[in-house]
Amino acid sequence: MCVVGGGAFGGNRGLRPVPPEKGVFPLDHMHLCDVEKKEYLNCLKSAGHKSEECRHLSKKYLECRMEKNLMAKQDMSELGFGKNVDAGTKSEEKTEQTKEK
């Protein structure tokens, strides 16, 4: 019997690994953005994992990571957030404020 190719799990040892497009960013070991992360994950659960309904929280989480130097600062439009997301966030904030009154 001849084993062809690969390493311990059948992977091709001849290929070089490719780094992620955006690079590596530090994990949040100090839990600086836990509140934002939990809000986003709770939203995903309640929305049946439809991420488009939770984009405003995803944006909030990424902004927190940038503020705390857990990832490189970038324009939100480069991360897929345009004026449509901002408009949706503002209307949702108004709705929440109205509910509180």
PDB file of N, CA and C in Angstrom:
ATOM      1  N   MET A   1       0.838  -1.170   0.000  1.00  0.00           N
ATOM      2  CA  MET A   1       0.000   0.000   0.000  1.00  0.00           C
ATOM      3  C   MET A   1       0.889   1.241   0.000  1.00  0.00           C
ATOM      4  N   CYS A   2       0.597   2.182  -0.861  1.00  0.00           N
ATOM      5  CA  CYS A   2       1.391   3.395  -0.996  1.00  0.00           C
ATOM      6  C   CYS A   2       0.546   4.604  -0.610  1.00  0.00           C
ATOM      7  N   VAL A   3       1.069   5.413   0.290  1.00  0.00           N
ATOM      8  CA  VAL A   3       0.376   6.624   0.689  1.00  0.00           C
ATOM      9  C   VAL A   3       0.918   7.775  -0.157  1.00  0.00           C
ATOM     10  N   VAL A   4       0.017   8.451  -0.843  1.00  0.00           N
ATOM     11  CA  VAL A   4       0.429   9.526  -1.732  1.00  0.00           C
ATOM     12  C   VAL A   4       0.148  10.872  -1.085  1.00  0.00           C
ATOM     13  N   GLY A   5       1.091  11.804  -1.225  1.00  0.00           N
ATOM     14  CA  GLY A   5       0.881  13.187  -0.785  1.00  0.00           C
ATOM     15  C   GLY A   5       0.928  13.326   0.714  1.00  0.00           C
ATOM     16  N   GLY A   6       0.739  14.412   1.130  1.00  0.00           N
ATOM     17  CA  GLY A   6       0.391  14.968   2.376  1.00  0.00           C
ATOM     18  C   GLY A   6       1.078  14.718   3.670  1.00  0.00           C
ATOM     19  N   GLY A   7       0.689  15.516   4.576  1.00  0.00           N
ATOM     20  CA  GLY A   7       1.193  15.473   5.933  1.00  0.00           C
ATOM     21  C   GLY A   7       0.362  14.547   6.784  1.00  0.00           C
ATOM     22  N   ALA A   8       0.379  14.795   8.050  1.00  0.00           N
ATOM     23  CA  ALA A   8      -0.288  13.944   9.026  1.00  0.00           C
ATOM     24  C   ALA A   8      -1.789  13.797   8.761  1.00  0.00           C
ATOM     25  N   PHE A   9      -2.411  14.852   8.236  1.00  0.00           N
ATOM     26  CA  PHE A   9      -3.851  14.797   8.000  1.00  0.00           C
ATOM     27  C   PHE A   9      -4.193  14.872   6.516  1.00  0.00           C
ATOM     28  N   GLY A  10      -3.251  14.490   5.678  1.00  0.00           N
ATOM     29  CA  GLY A  10      -3.504  14.452   4.250  1.00  0.00           C
ATOM     30  C   GLY A  10      -3.296  15.765   3.534  1.00  0.00           C
ATOM     31  N   GLY A  11      -2.833  16.797   4.238  1.00  0.00           N
ATOM     32  CA  GLY A  11      -2.603  18.097   3.617  1.00  0.00           C
ATOM     33  C   GLY A  11      -1.387  18.074   2.716  1.00  0.00           C
ATOM     34  N   ASN A  12      -1.324  18.985   1.797  1.00  0.00           N
ATOM     35  CA  ASN A  12      -0.206  19.069   0.874  1.00  0.00           C
ATOM     36  C   ASN A  12       0.920  19.867   1.516  1.00  0.00           C
ATOM     37  N   ARG A  13       2.023  19.236   1.778  1.00  0.00           N
ATOM     38  CA  ARG A  13       3.161  19.884   2.439  1.00  0.00           C
ATOM     39  C   ARG A  13       3.922  20.804   1.490  1.00  0.00           C
ATOM     40  N   GLY A  14       3.695  20.710   0.192  1.00  0.00           N
ATOM     41  CA  GLY A  14       4.437  21.508  -0.772  1.00  0.00           C
ATOM     42  C   GLY A  14       3.920  22.932  -0.914  1.00  0.00           C
ATOM     43  N   LEU A  15       2.701  23.211  -0.467  1.00  0.00           N
ATOM     44  CA  LEU A  15       2.128  24.544  -0.615  1.00  0.00           C
ATOM     45  C   LEU A  15       2.480  25.416   0.574  1.00  0.00           C
ATOM     46  N   ARG A  16       2.753  26.678   0.285  1.00  0.00           N
ATOM     47  CA  ARG A  16       3.036  27.628   1.366  1.00  0.00           C
ATOM     48  C   ARG A  16       1.722  28.213   1.858  1.00  0.00           C
ATOM     49  N   PRO A  17       1.592  28.411   3.163  1.00  0.00           N
ATOM     50  CA  PRO A  17       0.364  29.013   3.685  1.00  0.00           C
ATOM     51  C   PRO A  17       0.234  30.464   3.211  1.00  0.00           C
ATOM     52  N   VAL A  18      -0.999  30.890   3.027  1.00  0.00           N
ATOM     53  CA  VAL A  18      -1.271  32.258   2.590  1.00  0.00           C
ATOM     54  C   VAL A  18      -1.828  33.030   3.782  1.00  0.00           C
ATOM     55  N   PRO A  19      -1.229  34.187   4.115  1.00  0.00           N
ATOM     56  CA  PRO A  19      -1.734  34.951   5.259  1.00  0.00           C
ATOM     57  C   PRO A  19      -3.105  35.539   4.959  1.00  0.00           C
ATOM     58  N   PRO A  20      -3.889  35.832   5.987  1.00  0.00           N
ATOM     59  CA  PRO A  20      -5.202  36.444   5.777  1.00  0.00           C
ATOM     60  C   PRO A  20      -5.054  37.790   5.080  1.00  0.00           C
ATOM     61  N   GLU A  21      -6.062  38.172   4.313  1.00  0.00           N
ATOM     62  CA  GLU A  21      -6.004  39.412   3.543  1.00  0.00           C
ATOM     63  C   GLU A  21      -5.803  40.638   4.425  1.00  0.00           C
ATOM     64  N   LYS A  22      -6.508  40.712   5.532  1.00  0.00           N
ATOM     65  CA  LYS A  22      -6.439  41.875   6.413  1.00  0.00           C
ATOM     66  C   LYS A  22      -5.340  41.752   7.456  1.00  0.00           C
ATOM     67  N   GLY A  23      -4.646  40.662   7.505  1.00  0.00           N
ATOM     68  CA  GLY A  23      -3.607  40.482   8.507  1.00  0.00           C
ATOM     69  C   GLY A  23      -4.169  39.897   9.791  1.00  0.00           C
ATOM     70  N   VAL A  24      -3.320  39.814  10.773  1.00  0.00           N
ATOM     71  CA  VAL A  24      -3.701  39.237  12.059  1.00  0.00           C
ATOM     72  C   VAL A  24      -3.943  40.367  13.041  1.00  0.00           C
ATOM     73  N   PHE A  25      -4.990  40.259  13.822  1.00  0.00           N
ATOM     74  CA  PHE A  25      -5.236  41.265  14.847  1.00  0.00           C
ATOM     75  C   PHE A  25      -5.340  40.560  16.195  1.00  0.00           C
ATOM     76  N   PRO A  26      -4.986  41.263  17.268  1.00  0.00           N
ATOM     77  CA  PRO A  26      -4.966  40.641  18.593  1.00  0.00           C
ATOM     78  C   PRO A  26      -6.352  40.226  19.082  1.00  0.00           C
ATOM     79  N   LEU A  27      -6.368  39.159  19.830  1.00  0.00           N
ATOM     80  CA  LEU A  27      -7.604  38.746  20.487  1.00  0.00           C
ATOM     81  C   LEU A  27      -7.889  39.701  21.637  1.00  0.00           C
ATOM     82  N   ASP A  28      -9.114  39.763  22.042  1.00  0.00           N
ATOM     83  CA  ASP A  28      -9.532  40.672  23.109  1.00  0.00           C
ATOM     84  C   ASP A  28      -9.379  39.982  24.466  1.00  0.00           C
ATOM     85  N   HIS A  29      -8.128  39.755  24.862  1.00  0.00           N
ATOM     86  CA  HIS A  29      -7.861  39.048  26.118  1.00  0.00           C
ATOM     87  C   HIS A  29      -8.359  39.815  27.341  1.00  0.00           C
ATOM     88  N   MET A  30      -8.401  41.146  27.238  1.00  0.00           N
ATOM     89  CA  MET A  30      -8.823  41.972  28.368  1.00  0.00           C
ATOM     90  C   MET A  30     -10.337  42.212  28.356  1.00  0.00           C
ATOM     91  N   HIS A  31     -11.030  41.640  27.392  1.00  0.00           N
ATOM     92  CA  HIS A  31     -12.494  41.741  27.284  1.00  0.00           C
ATOM     93  C   HIS A  31     -12.963  43.190  27.181  1.00  0.00           C
ATOM     94  N   LEU A  32     -12.222  43.987  26.412  1.00  0.00           N
ATOM     95  CA  LEU A  32     -12.535  45.405  26.277  1.00  0.00           C
ATOM     96  C   LEU A  32     -13.802  45.656  25.459  1.00  0.00           C
ATOM     97  N   CYS A  33     -14.138  44.731  24.582  1.00  0.00           N
ATOM     98  CA  CYS A  33     -15.317  44.904  23.724  1.00  0.00           C
ATOM     99  C   CYS A  33     -16.344  43.799  23.934  1.00  0.00           C
ATOM    100  N   ASP A  34     -16.359  43.227  25.129  1.00  0.00           N
ATOM    101  CA  ASP A  34     -17.294  42.132  25.424  1.00  0.00           C
ATOM    102  C   ASP A  34     -18.761  42.554  25.309  1.00  0.00           C
ATOM    103  N   VAL A  35     -19.083  43.742  25.764  1.00  0.00           N
ATOM    104  CA  VAL A  35     -20.481  44.199  25.723  1.00  0.00           C
ATOM    105  C   VAL A  35     -20.962  44.232  24.281  1.00  0.00           C
ATOM    106  N   GLU A  36     -20.150  44.845  23.403  1.00  0.00           N
ATOM    107  CA  GLU A  36     -20.513  44.946  21.995  1.00  0.00           C
ATOM    108  C   GLU A  36     -20.610  43.567  21.342  1.00  0.00           C
ATOM    109  N   LYS A  37     -19.664  42.694  21.693  1.00  0.00           N
ATOM    110  CA  LYS A  37     -19.664  41.347  21.133  1.00  0.00           C
ATOM    111  C   LYS A  37     -20.922  40.582  21.554  1.00  0.00           C
ATOM    112  N   LYS A  38     -21.272  40.674  22.835  1.00  0.00           N
ATOM    113  CA  LYS A  38     -22.448  39.953  23.342  1.00  0.00           C
ATOM    114  C   LYS A  38     -23.736  40.499  22.738  1.00  0.00           C
ATOM    115  N   GLU A  39     -23.809  41.824  22.558  1.00  0.00           N
ATOM    116  CA  GLU A  39     -24.993  42.410  21.912  1.00  0.00           C
ATOM    117  C   GLU A  39     -25.161  41.855  20.504  1.00  0.00           C
ATOM    118  N   TYR A  40     -24.061  41.789  19.772  1.00  0.00           N
ATOM    119  CA  TYR A  40     -24.097  41.280  18.403  1.00  0.00           C
ATOM    120  C   TYR A  40     -24.509  39.804  18.371  1.00  0.00           C
ATOM    121  N   LEU A  41     -23.888  38.999  19.225  1.00  0.00           N
ATOM    122  CA  LEU A  41     -24.204  37.564  19.247  1.00  0.00           C
ATOM    123  C   LEU A  41     -25.652  37.321  19.675  1.00  0.00           C
ATOM    124  N   ASN A  42     -26.151  38.088  20.646  1.00  0.00           N
ATOM    125  CA  ASN A  42     -27.553  37.956  21.066  1.00  0.00           C
ATOM    126  C   ASN A  42     -28.494  38.340  19.930  1.00  0.00           C
ATOM    127  N   CYS A  43     -28.129  39.383  19.202  1.00  0.00           N
ATOM    128  CA  CYS A  43     -28.939  39.801  18.064  1.00  0.00           C
ATOM    129  C   CYS A  43     -28.985  38.688  17.017  1.00  0.00           C
ATOM    130  N   LEU A  44     -27.836  38.074  16.732  1.00  0.00           N
ATOM    131  CA  LEU A  44     -27.801  36.977  15.754  1.00  0.00           C
ATOM    132  C   LEU A  44     -28.722  35.835  16.176  1.00  0.00           C
ATOM    133  N   LYS A  45     -28.675  35.484  17.461  1.00  0.00           N
ATOM    134  CA  LYS A  45     -29.537  34.398  17.951  1.00  0.00           C
ATOM    135  C   LYS A  45     -31.005  34.753  17.773  1.00  0.00           C
ATOM    136  N   SER A  46     -31.373  35.967  18.172  1.00  0.00           N
ATOM    137  CA  SER A  46     -32.795  36.344  18.109  1.00  0.00           C
ATOM    138  C   SER A  46     -33.261  36.569  16.671  1.00  0.00           C
ATOM    139  N   ALA A  47     -32.338  36.870  15.764  1.00  0.00           N
ATOM    140  CA  ALA A  47     -32.701  37.111  14.364  1.00  0.00           C
ATOM    141  C   ALA A  47     -32.556  35.854  13.517  1.00  0.00           C
ATOM    142  N   GLY A  48     -32.383  34.712  14.150  1.00  0.00           N
ATOM    143  CA  GLY A  48     -32.229  33.466  13.397  1.00  0.00           C
ATOM    144  C   GLY A  48     -30.955  33.447  12.565  1.00  0.00           C
ATOM    145  N   HIS A  49     -29.894  34.065  13.072  1.00  0.00           N
ATOM    146  CA  HIS A  49     -28.575  34.126  12.435  1.00  0.00           C
ATOM    147  C   HIS A  49     -28.608  34.813  11.077  1.00  0.00           C
ATOM    148  N   LYS A  50     -29.520  35.774  10.915  1.00  0.00           N
ATOM    149  CA  LYS A  50     -29.563  36.611   9.712  1.00  0.00           C
ATOM    150  C   LYS A  50     -28.727  37.847  10.005  1.00  0.00           C
ATOM    151  N   SER A  51     -27.491  37.828   9.569  1.00  0.00           N
ATOM    152  CA  SER A  51     -26.536  38.874   9.944  1.00  0.00           C
ATOM    153  C   SER A  51     -26.934  40.267   9.470  1.00  0.00           C
ATOM    154  N   GLU A  52     -27.672  40.355   8.372  1.00  0.00           N
ATOM    155  CA  GLU A  52     -28.050  41.683   7.871  1.00  0.00           C
ATOM    156  C   GLU A  52     -28.901  42.456   8.876  1.00  0.00           C
ATOM    157  N   GLU A  53     -29.635  41.748   9.731  1.00  0.00           N
ATOM    158  CA  GLU A  53     -30.465  42.406  10.741  1.00  0.00           C
ATOM    159  C   GLU A  53     -29.639  42.933  11.925  1.00  0.00           C
ATOM    160  N   CYS A  54     -28.393  42.512  11.995  1.00  0.00           N
ATOM    161  CA  CYS A  54     -27.541  42.896  13.122  1.00  0.00           C
ATOM    162  C   CYS A  54     -26.316  43.695  12.685  1.00  0.00           C
ATOM    163  N   ARG A  55     -26.336  44.183  11.465  1.00  0.00           N
ATOM    164  CA  ARG A  55     -25.170  44.904  10.932  1.00  0.00           C
ATOM    165  C   ARG A  55     -24.797  46.121  11.769  1.00  0.00           C
ATOM    166  N   HIS A  56     -25.788  46.807  12.312  1.00  0.00           N
ATOM    167  CA  HIS A  56     -25.480  47.987  13.131  1.00  0.00           C
ATOM    168  C   HIS A  56     -24.658  47.605  14.363  1.00  0.00           C
ATOM    169  N   LEU A  57     -24.901  46.415  14.903  1.00  0.00           N
ATOM    170  CA  LEU A  57     -24.135  45.959  16.066  1.00  0.00           C
ATOM    171  C   LEU A  57     -22.762  45.445  15.657  1.00  0.00           C
ATOM    172  N   SER A  58     -22.681  44.874  14.471  1.00  0.00           N
ATOM    173  CA  SER A  58     -21.390  44.457  13.938  1.00  0.00           C
ATOM    174  C   SER A  58     -20.491  45.672  13.762  1.00  0.00           C
ATOM    175  N   LYS A  59     -21.062  46.741  13.225  1.00  0.00           N
ATOM    176  CA  LYS A  59     -20.324  47.993  13.041  1.00  0.00           C
ATOM    177  C   LYS A  59     -19.862  48.542  14.391  1.00  0.00           C
ATOM    178  N   LYS A  60     -20.749  48.513  15.360  1.00  0.00           N
ATOM    179  CA  LYS A  60     -20.425  49.007  16.704  1.00  0.00           C
ATOM    180  C   LYS A  60     -19.265  48.203  17.312  1.00  0.00           C
ATOM    181  N   TYR A  61     -19.272  46.890  17.106  1.00  0.00           N
ATOM    182  CA  TYR A  61     -18.215  46.023  17.616  1.00  0.00           C
ATOM    183  C   TYR A  61     -16.875  46.334  16.945  1.00  0.00           C
ATOM    184  N   LEU A  62     -16.891  46.489  15.632  1.00  0.00           N
ATOM    185  CA  LEU A  62     -15.654  46.800  14.918  1.00  0.00           C
ATOM    186  C   LEU A  62     -15.111  48.171  15.329  1.00  0.00           C
ATOM    187  N   GLU A  63     -16.005  49.133  15.525  1.00  0.00           N
ATOM    188  CA  GLU A  63     -15.574  50.458  15.988  1.00  0.00           C
ATOM    189  C   GLU A  63     -14.920  50.366  17.364  1.00  0.00           C
ATOM    190  N   CYS A  64     -15.471  49.543  18.237  1.00  0.00           N
ATOM    191  CA  CYS A  64     -14.887  49.342  19.565  1.00  0.00           C
ATOM    192  C   CYS A  64     -13.487  48.755  19.433  1.00  0.00           C
ATOM    193  N   ARG A  65     -13.334  47.749  18.586  1.00  0.00           N
ATOM    194  CA  ARG A  65     -12.021  47.122  18.395  1.00  0.00           C
ATOM    195  C   ARG A  65     -10.996  48.132  17.881  1.00  0.00           C
ATOM    196  N   MET A  66     -11.427  49.012  16.987  1.00  0.00           N
ATOM    197  CA  MET A  66     -10.508  50.023  16.456  1.00  0.00           C
ATOM    198  C   MET A  66     -10.138  51.040  17.540  1.00  0.00           C
ATOM    199  N   GLU A  67     -11.127  51.459  18.322  1.00  0.00           N
ATOM    200  CA  GLU A  67     -10.883  52.431  19.396  1.00  0.00           C
ATOM    201  C   GLU A  67      -9.915  51.882  20.441  1.00  0.00           C
ATOM    202  N   LYS A  68      -9.980  50.592  20.705  1.00  0.00           N
ATOM    203  CA  LYS A  68      -9.146  49.959  21.736  1.00  0.00           C
ATOM    204  C   LYS A  68      -7.852  49.393  21.153  1.00  0.00           C
ATOM    205  N   ASN A  69      -7.557  49.732  19.890  1.00  0.00           N
ATOM    206  CA  ASN A  69      -6.342  49.262  19.197  1.00  0.00           C
ATOM    207  C   ASN A  69      -6.248  47.742  19.115  1.00  0.00           C
ATOM    208  N   LEU A  70      -7.388  47.090  18.948  1.00  0.00           N
ATOM    209  CA  LEU A  70      -7.414  45.642  18.767  1.00  0.00           C
ATOM    210  C   LEU A  70      -7.430  45.284  17.280  1.00  0.00           C
ATOM    211  N   MET A  71      -7.533  46.285  16.446  1.00  0.00           N
ATOM    212  CA  MET A  71      -7.404  46.104  15.004  1.00  0.00           C
ATOM    213  C   MET A  71      -7.030  47.456  14.405  1.00  0.00           C
ATOM    214  N   ALA A  72      -6.497  47.414  13.202  1.00  0.00           N
ATOM    215  CA  ALA A  72      -6.092  48.652  12.533  1.00  0.00           C
ATOM    216  C   ALA A  72      -7.308  49.512  12.243  1.00  0.00           C
ATOM    217  N   LYS A  73      -7.139  50.826  12.395  1.00  0.00           N
ATOM    218  CA  LYS A  73      -8.234  51.744  12.101  1.00  0.00           C
ATOM    219  C   LYS A  73      -8.415  51.826  10.597  1.00  0.00           C
ATOM    220  N   GLN A  74      -9.661  51.688  10.177  1.00  0.00           N
ATOM    221  CA  GLN A  74     -10.008  51.743   8.765  1.00  0.00           C
ATOM    222  C   GLN A  74     -11.315  52.483   8.619  1.00  0.00           C
ATOM    223  N   ASP A  75     -11.513  53.030   7.446  1.00  0.00           N
ATOM    224  CA  ASP A  75     -12.791  53.647   7.138  1.00  0.00           C
ATOM    225  C   ASP A  75     -13.831  52.535   7.090  1.00  0.00           C
ATOM    226  N   MET A  76     -14.983  52.772   7.676  1.00  0.00           N
ATOM    227  CA  MET A  76     -16.022  51.734   7.734  1.00  0.00           C
ATOM    228  C   MET A  76     -16.495  51.327   6.341  1.00  0.00           C
ATOM    229  N   SER A  77     -16.390  52.224   5.370  1.00  0.00           N
ATOM    230  CA  SER A  77     -16.795  51.866   4.006  1.00  0.00           C
ATOM    231  C   SER A  77     -15.883  50.782   3.429  1.00  0.00           C
ATOM    232  N   GLU A  78     -14.631  50.725   3.885  1.00  0.00           N
ATOM    233  CA  GLU A  78     -13.707  49.678   3.444  1.00  0.00           C
ATOM    234  C   GLU A  78     -14.062  48.322   4.044  1.00  0.00           C
ATOM    235  N   LEU A  79     -14.856  48.341   5.109  1.00  0.00           N
ATOM    236  CA  LEU A  79     -15.267  47.100   5.775  1.00  0.00           C
ATOM    237  C   LEU A  79     -16.695  46.686   5.396  1.00  0.00           C
ATOM    238  N   GLY A  80     -17.231  47.347   4.374  1.00  0.00           N
ATOM    239  CA  GLY A  80     -18.550  46.964   3.890  1.00  0.00           C
ATOM    240  C   GLY A  80     -19.708  47.735   4.490  1.00  0.00           C
ATOM    241  N   PHE A  81     -19.391  48.801   5.228  1.00  0.00           N
ATOM    242  CA  PHE A  81     -20.441  49.604   5.836  1.00  0.00           C
ATOM    243  C   PHE A  81     -20.513  50.935   5.108  1.00  0.00           C
ATOM    244  N   GLY A  82     -21.664  51.193   4.514  1.00  0.00           N
ATOM    245  CA  GLY A  82     -21.843  52.447   3.798  1.00  0.00           C
ATOM    246  C   GLY A  82     -22.884  53.296   4.474  1.00  0.00           C
ATOM    247  N   LYS A  83     -23.409  54.249   3.726  1.00  0.00           N
ATOM    248  CA  LYS A  83     -24.416  55.151   4.277  1.00  0.00           C
ATOM    249  C   LYS A  83     -25.698  54.417   4.620  1.00  0.00           C
ATOM    250  N   ASN A  84     -26.014  53.324   3.919  1.00  0.00           N
ATOM    251  CA  ASN A  84     -27.232  52.565   4.200  1.00  0.00           C
ATOM    252  C   ASN A  84     -27.225  52.000   5.609  1.00  0.00           C
ATOM    253  N   VAL A  85     -26.085  51.512   6.057  1.00  0.00           N
ATOM    254  CA  VAL A  85     -25.991  50.952   7.407  1.00  0.00           C
ATOM    255  C   VAL A  85     -26.138  52.063   8.427  1.00  0.00           C
ATOM    256  N   ASP A  86     -25.486  53.205   8.158  1.00  0.00           N
ATOM    257  CA  ASP A  86     -25.586  54.332   9.081  1.00  0.00           C
ATOM    258  C   ASP A  86     -27.025  54.803   9.201  1.00  0.00           C
ATOM    259  N   ALA A  87     -27.719  54.890   8.072  1.00  0.00           N
ATOM    260  CA  ALA A  87     -29.114  55.329   8.094  1.00  0.00           C
ATOM    261  C   ALA A  87     -29.971  54.335   8.872  1.00  0.00           C
ATOM    262  N   GLY A  88     -29.730  53.032   8.680  1.00  0.00           N
ATOM    263  CA  GLY A  88     -30.475  52.004   9.408  1.00  0.00           C
ATOM    264  C   GLY A  88     -30.215  52.077  10.888  1.00  0.00           C
ATOM    265  N   THR A  89     -28.985  52.350  11.264  1.00  0.00           N
ATOM    266  CA  THR A  89     -28.629  52.454  12.674  1.00  0.00           C
ATOM    267  C   THR A  89     -29.332  53.635  13.314  1.00  0.00           C
ATOM    268  N   LYS A  90     -29.352  54.772  12.621  1.00  0.00           N
ATOM    269  CA  LYS A  90     -29.989  55.960  13.184  1.00  0.00           C
ATOM    270  C   LYS A  90     -31.483  55.763  13.352  1.00  0.00           C
ATOM    271  N   SER A  91     -32.134  55.112  12.381  1.00  0.00           N
ATOM    272  CA  SER A  91     -33.577  54.894  12.510  1.00  0.00           C
ATOM    273  C   SER A  91     -33.874  53.916  13.638  1.00  0.00           C
ATOM    274  N   GLU A  92     -33.002  52.919  13.826  1.00  0.00           N
ATOM    275  CA  GLU A  92     -33.194  51.964  14.917  1.00  0.00           C
ATOM    276  C   GLU A  92     -32.979  52.648  16.262  1.00  0.00           C
ATOM    277  N   GLU A  93     -32.009  53.575  16.343  1.00  0.00           N
ATOM    278  CA  GLU A  93     -31.775  54.297  17.592  1.00  0.00           C
ATOM    279  C   GLU A  93     -32.979  55.159  17.931  1.00  0.00           C
ATOM    280  N   LYS A  94     -33.578  55.806  16.915  1.00  0.00           N
ATOM    281  CA  LYS A  94     -34.762  56.625  17.147  1.00  0.00           C
ATOM    282  C   LYS A  94     -35.916  55.767  17.649  1.00  0.00           C
ATOM    283  N   THR A  95     -36.058  54.570  17.064  1.00  0.00           N
ATOM    284  CA  THR A  95     -37.114  53.652  17.483  1.00  0.00           C
ATOM    285  C   THR A  95     -36.920  53.255  18.945  1.00  0.00           C
ATOM    286  N   GLU A  96     -35.666  52.945  19.321  1.00  0.00           N
ATOM    287  CA  GLU A  96     -35.375  52.563  20.708  1.00  0.00           C
ATOM    288  C   GLU A  96     -35.646  53.723  21.656  1.00  0.00           C
ATOM    289  N   GLN A  97     -35.296  54.950  21.258  1.00  0.00           N
ATOM    290  CA  GLN A  97     -35.522  56.114  22.105  1.00  0.00           C
ATOM    291  C   GLN A  97     -37.022  56.349  22.290  1.00  0.00           C
ATOM    292  N   THR A  98     -37.793  56.139  21.225  1.00  0.00           N
ATOM    293  CA  THR A  98     -39.234  56.312  21.292  1.00  0.00           C
ATOM    294  C   THR A  98     -39.848  55.288  22.249  1.00  0.00           C
ATOM    295  N   LYS A  99     -39.338  54.060  22.208  1.00  0.00           N
ATOM    296  CA  LYS A  99     -39.852  52.999  23.097  1.00  0.00           C
ATOM    297  C   LYS A  99     -39.591  53.338  24.555  1.00  0.00           C
ATOM    298  N   GLU A 100     -38.435  53.970  24.823  1.00  0.00           N
ATOM    299  CA  GLU A 100     -38.064  54.284  26.196  1.00  0.00           C
ATOM    300  C   GLU A 100     -38.957  55.355  26.806  1.00  0.00           C
ATOM    301  N   LYS A 101     -39.509  56.254  25.978  1.00  0.00           N
ATOM    302  CA  LYS A 101     -40.356  57.350  26.470  1.00  0.00           C
ATOM    303  C   LYS A 101     -41.700  56.876  26.786  1.00  0.00           C
TER     304      LYS A 101
END
